[in-house]
């Protein structure tokens, strides 16, 4: 498996740690951020190929972040994650360039 770089953005640290540790065990290089602003700073240093973005966060939402990340790197593969099943948010995420919505 290639050593892909993954950015995890979630305002809940336990969620970031859980997913990040699982991905690290699989050989991924993981960077995490607790906000959209942290993510924007991190993406310029780490150049991730994949981003896992929480939709609902204080400040900028994951959907707003997705649009900004796609401007920086149109090839970034983003997966939107939410604890709240919301078809409209999922559809909006896909229209904005998300690969998937979980």
Protein backbone atom coordinates (compact mmCIF):
# COMPACT_ATOMS: atom_id res chain seq x y z
CA UNK A 1 0.00 0.00 0.00
CA UNK A 2 1.31 3.46 -0.82
CA UNK A 3 2.14 5.79 2.04
CA UNK A 4 -0.71 8.25 1.60
CA UNK A 5 -1.03 11.43 3.64
CA UNK A 6 -4.38 11.89 5.39
CA UNK A 7 -5.73 15.02 7.05
CA UNK A 8 -8.39 14.47 9.73
CA UNK A 9 -10.41 17.52 10.73
CA UNK A 10 -12.82 17.23 13.65
CA UNK A 11 -13.42 19.49 16.63
CA UNK A 12 -13.60 16.41 18.90
CA UNK A 13 -10.08 15.20 19.71
CA UNK A 14 -11.16 11.67 20.76
CA UNK A 15 -12.66 11.18 17.28
CA UNK A 16 -9.48 12.43 15.59
CA UNK A 17 -7.34 10.15 17.77
CA UNK A 18 -9.51 7.08 17.16
CA UNK A 19 -9.51 7.43 13.39
CA UNK A 20 -5.93 8.66 13.22
CA UNK A 21 -4.53 5.75 15.23
CA UNK A 22 -6.40 3.24 13.08
CA UNK A 23 -5.06 4.81 9.90
CA UNK A 24 -1.50 4.99 11.25
CA UNK A 25 -1.62 1.24 11.98
CA UNK A 26 -2.46 0.75 8.29
CA UNK A 27 0.60 2.73 7.21
CA UNK A 28 -0.96 6.12 6.48
CA UNK A 29 0.74 9.35 7.47
CA UNK A 30 -1.81 11.27 9.52
CA UNK A 31 -2.13 14.94 10.38
CA UNK A 32 -5.05 16.13 12.44
CA UNK A 33 -6.67 19.49 13.05
CA UNK A 34 -9.34 20.63 15.48
CA UNK A 35 -10.72 23.44 13.30
CA UNK A 36 -10.91 24.66 9.74
CA UNK A 37 -8.25 27.28 10.42
CA UNK A 38 -5.85 24.64 11.80
CA UNK A 39 -6.59 22.46 8.78
CA UNK A 40 -5.81 25.26 6.32
CA UNK A 41 -2.46 25.85 8.01
CA UNK A 42 -1.68 22.11 8.07
CA UNK A 43 -2.57 21.45 4.45
CA UNK A 44 0.05 23.94 3.29
CA UNK A 45 2.73 22.01 5.19
CA UNK A 46 1.63 18.40 4.70
CA UNK A 47 0.00 18.30 1.23
CA UNK A 48 -2.44 15.48 2.05
CA UNK A 49 -3.96 13.36 -0.69
CA UNK A 50 -7.02 12.50 1.43
CA UNK A 51 -9.03 14.57 3.92
CA UNK A 52 -11.67 13.36 6.37
CA UNK A 53 -13.77 16.38 7.28
CA UNK A 54 -16.38 16.71 10.01
CA UNK A 55 -19.30 18.72 8.69
CA UNK A 56 -20.38 20.41 11.92
CA UNK A 57 -17.63 22.33 13.69
CA UNK A 58 -17.49 25.66 15.50
CA UNK A 59 -16.42 28.46 13.20
CA UNK A 60 -16.18 27.34 9.59
CA UNK A 61 -18.13 24.20 8.74
CA UNK A 62 -16.60 21.23 7.01
CA UNK A 63 -18.46 22.24 3.85
CA UNK A 64 -16.86 25.68 3.91
CA UNK A 65 -13.50 24.07 4.55
CA UNK A 66 -14.01 21.65 1.66
CA UNK A 67 -14.42 24.55 -0.77
CA UNK A 68 -11.22 26.20 0.48
CA UNK A 69 -9.23 22.97 0.38
CA UNK A 70 -10.37 22.28 -3.19
CA UNK A 71 -9.09 25.72 -4.22
CA UNK A 72 -5.68 24.86 -2.76
CA UNK A 73 -5.60 21.33 -4.20
CA UNK A 74 -8.34 20.38 -6.68
CA UNK A 75 -7.10 16.77 -6.66
CA UNK A 76 -7.61 16.35 -2.90
CA UNK A 77 -9.97 13.46 -2.18
CA UNK A 78 -12.29 14.55 0.63
CA UNK A 79 -14.68 12.38 2.60
CA UNK A 80 -17.24 14.25 4.67
CA UNK A 81 -18.12 12.74 8.04
CA UNK A 82 -21.06 13.54 10.29
CA UNK A 83 -22.79 11.99 13.28
CA UNK A 84 -26.02 13.47 11.92
CA UNK A 85 -27.62 11.73 8.94
CA UNK A 86 -28.63 14.59 6.67
CA UNK A 87 -29.30 13.78 3.02
CA UNK A 88 -29.24 17.45 1.98
CA UNK A 89 -25.82 18.04 3.59
CA UNK A 90 -24.50 14.90 1.92
CA UNK A 91 -25.79 16.00 -1.45
CA UNK A 92 -24.30 19.47 -0.97
CA UNK A 93 -20.95 17.92 -0.02
CA UNK A 94 -20.92 15.78 -3.15
CA UNK A 95 -21.76 18.79 -5.32
CA UNK A 96 -18.82 20.67 -3.75
CA UNK A 97 -16.42 17.91 -4.69
CA UNK A 98 -16.50 15.43 -1.82
CA UNK A 99 -15.70 11.87 -2.78
CA UNK A 100 -18.17 10.45 -0.24
CA UNK A 101 -20.34 11.28 2.76
CA UNK A 102 -20.40 9.07 5.84
